[in-house]
């Protein structure tokens, strides 16, 4: 770092850093960043996080201390941080040039640790930081009147009737939600970064929230409906030709099918959210149960008009079901934290499309609160 305002730290100061929101405590995460391209070095004291004032990441840095080396990206300055800097908060903030060891300089800000996120994020399962950002990173939010305020078209208006609401749990089966078998087991071998993201999402977020929703709907006396996706016949001849071909291609490429037939372990609902004897379970051999099953008539027989959709995958069977239900006149809610797919950006894009045209996107907490108001 070049000399800056009074109180600025010398260039050879201690070197623990915040890297993209991750505190490098004792360099325990240095292996996670292996393979990053080395473009320069920046050093700062442990109290601070290094930001670039420019509009893009200026490159990579490498820090060495006691024979241990850490590489990573300099963090781009978020607008909300810049506003606080411009207002003079916090006092004594260093703002100026940071020197890289290859001779380049960048204009940067050293932001005090107490003002920055210090959570120790373990990304080791993703292999490196770039893989993490590709699969699970980013700060995009689902489109809504708050996040897309300039949108000219009207947002969906629902006439929600919680006394005629049904929870629909879409395709949470062993083949796609059990890391010990099926697709997730294959992904762990073929695409470990994707497997790390979706397995954590399924186990830590989606399944626990679906469990809460199931319990809440049952406590309120509302219907819980499950769908299962797969061939209805053991040899799969009931599937469309494209689907049969996809399964053959998947098996040739990975040694695993992409779909399993009814009667197999992989086709069964995950044990953690398995149906009760009185729950309706609908087997389908297409993406949406509205295509090829009697679900529309069955839901109307049950008196359901408001459908709360959960399950996997967000951008495949969940989205297709949401669109089909909306086109048939149902009021559709998709629960953001009770759904999952393989990439976070696909999850956000899918839910944004639903939120703009076909229904609303809620959290599990909001649904549980709404059900709790039933008397």
Protein backbone atom coordinates (compact mmCIF):
# COMPACT_ATOMS: atom_id res chain seq x y z
CA UNK A 1 0.00 0.00 0.00
CA UNK A 2 1.35 3.44 -0.79
CA UNK A 3 1.47 6.15 1.82
CA UNK A 4 -2.02 7.46 2.45
CA UNK A 5 -3.75 9.84 4.82
CA UNK A 6 -2.54 10.22 8.36
CA UNK A 7 -3.03 6.98 10.24
CA UNK A 8 -2.73 4.77 7.16
CA UNK A 9 -0.96 1.47 7.70
CA UNK A 10 2.59 0.78 6.44
CA UNK A 11 3.02 -1.50 3.44
CA UNK A 12 4.68 -4.30 5.41
CA UNK A 13 1.93 -4.62 8.02
CA UNK A 14 0.33 -7.95 9.03
CA UNK A 15 -1.50 -9.76 6.27
CA UNK A 16 -4.71 -11.47 7.36
CA UNK A 17 -7.46 -10.40 4.94
CA UNK A 18 -11.16 -10.41 4.27
CA UNK A 19 -11.62 -12.09 0.90
CA UNK A 20 -15.01 -11.68 -0.81
CA UNK A 21 -16.70 -11.52 2.57
CA UNK A 22 -14.72 -14.39 4.05
CA UNK A 23 -12.39 -13.73 6.95
CA UNK A 24 -9.15 -15.59 6.31
CA UNK A 25 -8.67 -16.66 9.92
CA UNK A 26 -5.18 -18.03 10.19
CA UNK A 27 -5.24 -18.78 6.44
CA UNK A 28 -7.40 -21.83 7.05
CA UNK A 29 -9.12 -21.33 3.70
CA UNK A 30 -6.05 -20.86 1.55
CA UNK A 31 -6.46 -24.26 -0.13
CA UNK A 32 -9.96 -23.28 -1.25
CA UNK A 33 -8.50 -20.65 -3.54
CA UNK A 34 -6.01 -22.91 -5.27
CA UNK A 35 -5.68 -22.34 -8.97
CA UNK A 36 -6.49 -18.64 -8.95
CA UNK A 37 -4.40 -16.69 -11.42
CA UNK A 38 -1.67 -14.70 -9.67
CA UNK A 39 -1.66 -11.05 -10.75
CA UNK A 40 -0.33 -9.15 -7.76
CA UNK A 41 -0.09 -8.71 -4.02
CA UNK A 42 -1.85 -6.44 -1.57
CA UNK A 43 -1.30 -6.29 2.16
CA UNK A 44 -3.44 -4.92 4.93
CA UNK A 45 -3.83 -5.21 8.69
CA UNK A 46 -6.33 -7.79 10.06
CA UNK A 47 -8.80 -5.13 11.13
CA UNK A 48 -9.61 -4.33 7.53
CA UNK A 49 -11.24 -5.60 4.38
CA UNK A 50 -9.88 -4.57 0.98
CA UNK A 51 -12.30 -2.99 -1.49
CA UNK A 52 -11.75 -1.63 -4.98
CA UNK A 53 -13.47 1.64 -5.86
CA UNK A 54 -13.59 0.64 -9.54
CA UNK A 55 -16.59 -0.90 -11.22
CA UNK A 56 -14.94 -4.30 -11.73
CA UNK A 57 -12.74 -6.66 -9.80
CA UNK A 58 -9.25 -5.30 -10.49
CA UNK A 59 -7.60 -8.71 -10.37
CA UNK A 60 -6.12 -11.22 -8.00
CA UNK A 61 -3.78 -10.76 -5.06
CA UNK A 62 -1.48 -13.07 -3.18
CA UNK A 63 -0.54 -12.68 0.48
CA UNK A 64 2.22 -14.62 2.19
CA UNK A 65 2.83 -14.95 5.92
CA UNK A 66 5.01 -17.54 7.64
CA UNK A 67 5.35 -19.57 4.47
CA UNK A 68 1.58 -19.80 3.91
CA UNK A 69 0.19 -18.16 0.77
CA UNK A 70 -3.36 -16.97 0.13
CA UNK A 71 -4.69 -15.88 -3.27
CA UNK A 72 -8.06 -14.38 -4.11
CA UNK A 73 -9.94 -11.50 -5.73
CA UNK A 74 -9.98 -7.96 -4.44
CA UNK A 75 -13.56 -7.21 -3.43
CA UNK A 76 -15.58 -4.65 -5.43
CA UNK A 77 -17.03 -1.86 -3.33
CA UNK A 78 -20.81 -2.26 -2.84
CA UNK A 79 -22.89 0.91 -3.35
CA UNK A 80 -24.14 0.88 0.24
CA UNK A 81 -20.59 0.88 1.56
CA UNK A 82 -19.62 3.70 -0.80
CA UNK A 83 -22.48 5.86 0.53
CA UNK A 84 -21.20 5.38 4.07
CA UNK A 85 -17.68 6.26 2.97
CA UNK A 86 -18.90 9.42 1.21
CA UNK A 87 -20.76 10.47 4.37
CA UNK A 88 -17.54 10.25 6.37
CA UNK A 89 -18.39 7.07 8.25
CA UNK A 90 -16.46 5.50 9.83
CA UNK A 91 -13.86 8.08 10.92
CA UNK A 92 -10.21 7.37 10.20
CA UNK A 93 -11.02 5.20 7.18
CA UNK A 94 -8.09 4.73 4.79
CA UNK A 95 -9.04 5.66 1.25
CA UNK A 96 -6.38 5.87 -1.42
CA UNK A 97 -3.99 3.89 -3.57
CA UNK A 98 -3.10 0.28 -2.82
CA UNK A 99 0.11 -0.94 -4.43
CA UNK A 100 0.28 -4.40 -6.03
CA UNK A 101 3.63 -6.15 -6.13
CA UNK A 102 3.64 -6.25 -9.93
CA UNK A 103 3.86 -2.45 -9.89
CA UNK A 104 0.21 -1.65 -10.58
CA UNK A 105 -1.86 0.46 -8.22
CA UNK A 106 -5.59 0.56 -7.63
CA UNK A 107 -7.73 3.02 -5.76
CA UNK A 108 -9.16 1.22 -2.79
CA UNK A 109 -10.72 1.42 0.62
CA UNK A 110 -9.74 -0.46 3.76
CA UNK A 111 -12.98 -0.98 5.61
CA UNK A 112 -12.92 -1.67 9.38
CA UNK A 113 -13.65 -5.24 10.36
CA UNK A 114 -16.47 -4.34 12.75
CA UNK A 115 -18.29 -2.74 9.83
CA UNK A 116 -17.89 -5.73 7.50
CA UNK A 117 -19.16 -9.28 7.38
CA UNK A 118 -16.75 -11.51 9.32
CA UNK A 119 -18.45 -14.86 8.83
CA UNK A 120 -16.07 -17.72 8.17
CA UNK A 121 -17.46 -19.24 4.99
CA UNK A 122 -16.11 -22.70 4.23
CA UNK A 123 -16.09 -23.22 0.47
CA UNK A 124 -13.72 -26.20 0.47
CA UNK A 125 -16.36 -28.52 -1.02
CA UNK A 126 -16.47 -26.35 -4.15
CA UNK A 127 -12.77 -26.73 -4.92
CA UNK A 128 -12.03 -23.03 -5.42
CA UNK A 129 -13.62 -19.61 -5.13
CA UNK A 130 -14.50 -19.30 -8.80
CA UNK A 131 -16.41 -22.59 -8.74
CA UNK A 132 -18.30 -21.41 -5.66
CA UNK A 133 -19.26 -18.14 -7.34
CA UNK A 134 -20.32 -19.95 -10.52
CA UNK A 135 -22.67 -22.34 -8.73
CA UNK A 136 -23.80 -20.67 -5.52
CA UNK A 137 -22.56 -17.09 -5.57
CA UNK A 138 -24.09 -13.80 -6.52
CA UNK A 139 -26.38 -11.41 -4.71
CA UNK A 140 -29.30 -11.29 -7.18
CA UNK A 141 -32.76 -11.36 -5.65
CA UNK A 142 -36.05 -12.69 -6.99
CA UNK A 143 -37.89 -10.04 -9.00
CA UNK A 144 -40.51 -8.19 -6.98
CA UNK A 145 -41.93 -4.67 -6.73
CA UNK A 146 -39.08 -3.93 -4.30
CA UNK A 147 -36.25 -5.25 -6.46
CA UNK A 148 -37.68 -4.31 -9.88
CA UNK A 149 -39.45 -1.08 -9.09
CA UNK A 150 -39.27 0.31 -12.63
CA UNK A 151 -41.15 -2.65 -14.10
CA UNK A 152 -44.10 -1.31 -16.15
CA UNK A 153 -46.31 -4.41 -16.23
CA UNK A 154 -48.68 -5.24 -13.37
CA UNK A 155 -47.65 -7.82 -10.79
CA UNK A 156 -49.89 -10.86 -10.21
CA UNK A 157 -52.75 -10.17 -7.81
CA UNK A 158 -54.03 -13.28 -6.01
CA UNK A 159 -57.31 -13.87 -4.21
CA UNK A 160 -55.86 -16.18 -1.59
CA UNK A 161 -58.24 -18.41 0.32
CA UNK A 162 -56.28 -20.27 2.97
CA UNK A 163 -59.32 -22.36 3.85
CA UNK A 164 -59.09 -23.79 0.33
CA UNK A 165 -55.33 -24.07 0.20
CA UNK A 166 -53.30 -27.18 -0.56
CA UNK A 167 -49.57 -27.80 -0.21
CA UNK A 168 -48.01 -29.51 -3.24
CA UNK A 169 -44.67 -31.26 -2.68
CA UNK A 170 -43.14 -31.76 -6.12
CA UNK A 171 -40.77 -34.67 -6.82
CA UNK A 172 -38.76 -34.73 -3.57
CA UNK A 173 -37.64 -38.27 -4.29
CA UNK A 174 -34.56 -40.26 -3.47
CA UNK A 175 -33.26 -39.98 -7.03
CA UNK A 176 -32.97 -36.18 -6.80
CA UNK A 177 -32.86 -35.33 -3.08
CA UNK A 178 -30.89 -38.15 -1.44
CA UNK A 179 -27.10 -37.58 -1.67
CA UNK A 180 -26.39 -41.29 -1.26
CA UNK A 181 -28.05 -42.31 -4.51
CA UNK A 182 -29.38 -41.10 -7.83
CA UNK A 183 -28.46 -37.76 -9.35
CA UNK A 184 -26.79 -36.23 -6.30
CA UNK A 185 -24.48 -39.21 -5.91
CA UNK A 186 -23.52 -38.91 -9.57
CA UNK A 187 -22.96 -35.15 -9.28
CA UNK A 188 -20.61 -35.67 -6.34
CA UNK A 189 -18.33 -37.63 -8.67
CA UNK A 190 -18.80 -35.74 -11.93
CA UNK A 191 -19.54 -32.16 -10.81
CA UNK A 192 -18.48 -31.75 -7.15
CA UNK A 193 -19.08 -28.00 -6.97
CA UNK A 194 -22.67 -28.40 -8.19
CA UNK A 195 -23.20 -31.31 -5.79
CA UNK A 196 -21.86 -29.26 -2.87
CA UNK A 197 -24.32 -26.45 -3.54
CA UNK A 198 -27.46 -28.43 -4.27
CA UNK A 199 -26.89 -31.01 -1.50
CA UNK A 200 -26.49 -28.28 1.11
CA UNK A 201 -29.51 -26.45 -0.28
CA UNK A 202 -31.67 -29.59 -0.19
CA UNK A 203 -30.58 -30.84 3.23
CA UNK A 204 -30.19 -27.55 5.10
CA UNK A 205 -32.92 -25.39 3.56
CA UNK A 206 -35.45 -27.10 1.30
CA UNK A 207 -36.27 -30.29 3.22
CA UNK A 208 -36.49 -28.67 6.70
CA UNK A 209 -38.82 -25.98 5.36
CA UNK A 210 -40.99 -28.49 3.51
CA UNK A 211 -41.21 -30.46 6.75
CA UNK A 212 -42.41 -27.33 8.59
CA UNK A 213 -44.94 -26.59 5.89
CA UNK A 214 -46.30 -30.14 5.91
CA UNK A 215 -46.76 -29.99 9.68
CA UNK A 216 -48.43 -26.58 9.44
CA UNK A 217 -50.84 -27.63 6.69
CA UNK A 218 -51.79 -30.78 8.57
CA UNK A 219 -52.29 -28.85 11.81
CA UNK A 220 -54.58 -26.45 9.94
CA UNK A 221 -56.57 -29.31 8.40
CA UNK A 222 -55.43 -28.46 4.87
CA UNK A 223 -54.52 -30.91 2.11
CA UNK A 224 -50.95 -32.10 1.43
CA UNK A 225 -50.42 -33.47 -2.09
CA UNK A 226 -47.26 -35.18 -3.37
CA UNK A 227 -46.06 -35.82 -6.90
CA UNK A 228 -43.51 -38.40 -8.01
CA UNK A 229 -41.74 -38.17 -11.36
CA UNK A 230 -40.64 -41.20 -13.34
CA UNK A 231 -41.68 -43.94 -15.68
CA UNK A 232 -44.90 -45.70 -14.75
CA UNK A 233 -43.74 -48.96 -16.34
CA UNK A 234 -40.48 -50.73 -15.42
CA UNK A 235 -39.05 -50.55 -18.93
CA UNK A 236 -40.03 -46.88 -19.40
CA UNK A 237 -41.95 -47.40 -22.61
CA UNK A 238 -44.72 -45.09 -21.32
CA UNK A 239 -42.33 -42.11 -21.54
CA UNK A 240 -42.13 -39.85 -24.57
CA UNK A 241 -39.32 -40.68 -27.01
CA UNK A 242 -37.23 -37.65 -26.06
CA UNK A 243 -37.38 -38.63 -22.39
CA UNK A 244 -36.36 -42.21 -23.13
CA UNK A 245 -33.46 -40.98 -25.26
CA UNK A 246 -32.32 -38.61 -22.52
CA UNK A 247 -32.17 -41.43 -20.00
CA UNK A 248 -30.12 -43.57 -22.38
CA UNK A 249 -27.73 -40.69 -23.06
CA UNK A 250 -27.41 -39.94 -19.34
CA UNK A 251 -26.57 -43.55 -18.57
CA UNK A 252 -23.96 -43.64 -21.34
CA UNK A 253 -22.32 -40.45 -20.04
CA UNK A 254 -22.44 -41.00 -16.27
CA UNK A 255 -23.41 -44.61 -15.58
CA UNK A 256 -26.66 -43.36 -14.04
CA UNK A 257 -30.09 -42.75 -15.50
CA UNK A 258 -31.67 -39.32 -15.13
CA UNK A 259 -35.02 -40.84 -14.10
CA UNK A 260 -36.17 -43.96 -12.24
CA UNK A 261 -39.33 -46.00 -12.63
CA UNK A 262 -42.17 -46.41 -10.17
CA UNK A 263 -41.42 -49.22 -7.72
CA UNK A 264 -37.70 -48.44 -7.39
CA UNK A 265 -36.09 -47.02 -4.25
CA UNK A 266 -35.00 -43.92 -6.15
CA UNK A 267 -38.62 -43.21 -7.15
CA UNK A 268 -39.81 -43.10 -3.53
CA UNK A 269 -40.43 -39.88 -1.59
CA UNK A 270 -37.61 -38.88 0.76
CA UNK A 271 -38.13 -40.41 4.21
CA UNK A 272 -37.85 -37.06 6.03
CA UNK A 273 -41.06 -35.81 4.39
CA UNK A 274 -42.82 -39.06 3.46
CA UNK A 275 -46.60 -38.98 2.96
CA UNK A 276 -49.13 -40.01 5.57
CA UNK A 277 -51.71 -42.65 4.72
CA UNK A 278 -54.34 -39.97 4.01
CA UNK A 279 -52.23 -37.87 1.65
CA UNK A 280 -52.79 -37.83 -2.09
CA UNK A 281 -49.73 -39.09 -4.05
CA UNK A 282 -49.77 -38.59 -7.81
CA UNK A 283 -47.34 -40.39 -10.11
CA UNK A 284 -46.48 -38.55 -13.31
CA UNK A 285 -44.25 -39.32 -16.27
CA UNK A 286 -44.04 -35.69 -17.46
CA UNK A 287 -42.66 -32.52 -15.92
CA UNK A 288 -46.05 -31.16 -14.83
CA UNK A 289 -48.76 -33.26 -13.20
CA UNK A 290 -51.30 -31.20 -15.15
CA UNK A 291 -50.00 -32.95 -18.27
CA UNK A 292 -50.98 -36.60 -18.20
CA UNK A 293 -52.61 -37.03 -14.78
CA UNK A 294 -55.98 -36.20 -13.24
CA UNK A 295 -54.56 -33.74 -10.72
CA UNK A 296 -56.73 -30.84 -11.87
CA UNK A 297 -59.96 -32.74 -11.26
CA UNK A 298 -58.63 -34.20 -8.01
CA UNK A 299 -57.64 -30.78 -6.61
CA UNK A 300 -61.05 -29.39 -7.51
CA UNK A 301 -62.69 -32.41 -5.82
CA UNK A 302 -60.64 -31.58 -2.71
CA UNK A 303 -61.82 -27.98 -2.84
CA UNK A 304 -58.35 -26.54 -3.43
CA UNK A 305 -58.06 -23.14 -5.10
CA UNK A 306 -54.81 -21.81 -3.61
CA UNK A 307 -51.76 -23.97 -4.34
CA UNK A 308 -48.52 -23.64 -2.37
CA UNK A 309 -45.75 -25.26 -4.40
CA UNK A 310 -42.51 -26.69 -3.03
CA UNK A 311 -39.90 -29.19 -4.20
CA UNK A 312 -37.42 -29.75 -6.96
CA UNK A 313 -36.24 -28.68 -9.37
CA UNK A 314 -37.19 -25.02 -9.24
CA UNK A 315 -36.54 -24.31 -12.91
CA UNK A 316 -37.96 -27.59 -14.19
CA UNK A 317 -40.93 -29.42 -12.67
CA UNK A 318 -41.77 -26.74 -10.09
CA UNK A 319 -41.85 -23.91 -12.62
CA UNK A 320 -43.74 -25.99 -15.20
CA UNK A 321 -46.33 -26.97 -12.59
CA UNK A 322 -46.69 -23.35 -11.45
CA UNK A 323 -47.33 -22.13 -15.00
CA UNK A 324 -49.84 -24.90 -15.72
CA UNK A 325 -51.70 -24.30 -12.44
CA UNK A 326 -51.89 -20.56 -13.04
CA UNK A 327 -53.24 -21.10 -16.56
CA UNK A 328 -56.01 -23.23 -15.04
CA UNK A 329 -57.09 -20.48 -12.68
CA UNK A 330 -55.40 -21.51 -9.43
CA UNK A 331 -53.80 -18.91 -7.19
CA UNK A 332 -50.18 -20.05 -7.07
CA UNK A 333 -47.54 -19.43 -4.42
CA UNK A 334 -44.04 -20.88 -4.84
CA UNK A 335 -41.99 -21.07 -1.65
CA UNK A 336 -38.49 -19.77 -2.33
CA UNK A 337 -36.77 -21.51 0.58
CA UNK A 338 -38.63 -24.78 0.06
CA UNK A 339 -37.42 -25.29 -3.52
CA UNK A 340 -34.03 -26.08 -5.05
CA UNK A 341 -32.15 -26.58 -8.28
CA UNK A 342 -28.55 -27.07 -9.38
CA UNK A 343 -27.41 -23.44 -9.79
CA UNK A 344 -28.49 -20.50 -7.68
CA UNK A 345 -28.76 -18.18 -10.70
CA UNK A 346 -31.19 -20.62 -12.35
CA UNK A 347 -33.24 -20.73 -9.14
CA UNK A 348 -33.50 -16.92 -9.04
CA UNK A 349 -34.30 -16.62 -12.75
CA UNK A 350 -37.05 -19.23 -12.55
CA UNK A 351 -38.73 -17.70 -9.50
CA UNK A 352 -38.47 -14.24 -11.08
CA UNK A 353 -40.40 -15.43 -14.13
CA UNK A 354 -43.12 -16.85 -11.91
CA UNK A 355 -43.28 -13.71 -9.76
CA UNK A 356 -43.70 -11.38 -12.73
CA UNK A 357 -46.57 -13.25 -14.42
CA UNK A 358 -47.91 -16.44 -12.88
CA UNK A 359 -48.06 -16.16 -9.11
CA UNK A 360 -46.22 -15.00 -6.04
CA UNK A 361 -42.99 -16.08 -4.36
CA UNK A 362 -43.14 -16.38 -0.57
CA UNK A 363 -40.92 -17.66 2.21
CA UNK A 364 -41.83 -20.65 4.35
CA UNK A 365 -42.16 -18.35 7.37
CA UNK A 366 -44.73 -16.20 5.57
CA UNK A 367 -46.82 -19.24 4.61
CA UNK A 368 -46.70 -20.66 8.14
CA UNK A 369 -47.77 -17.28 9.55
CA UNK A 370 -50.69 -17.06 7.13
CA UNK A 371 -51.89 -20.55 8.04
CA UNK A 372 -51.56 -19.71 11.72
CA UNK A 373 -54.15 -16.97 11.34
CA UNK A 374 -56.87 -19.47 10.42
CA UNK A 375 -59.44 -19.80 13.17
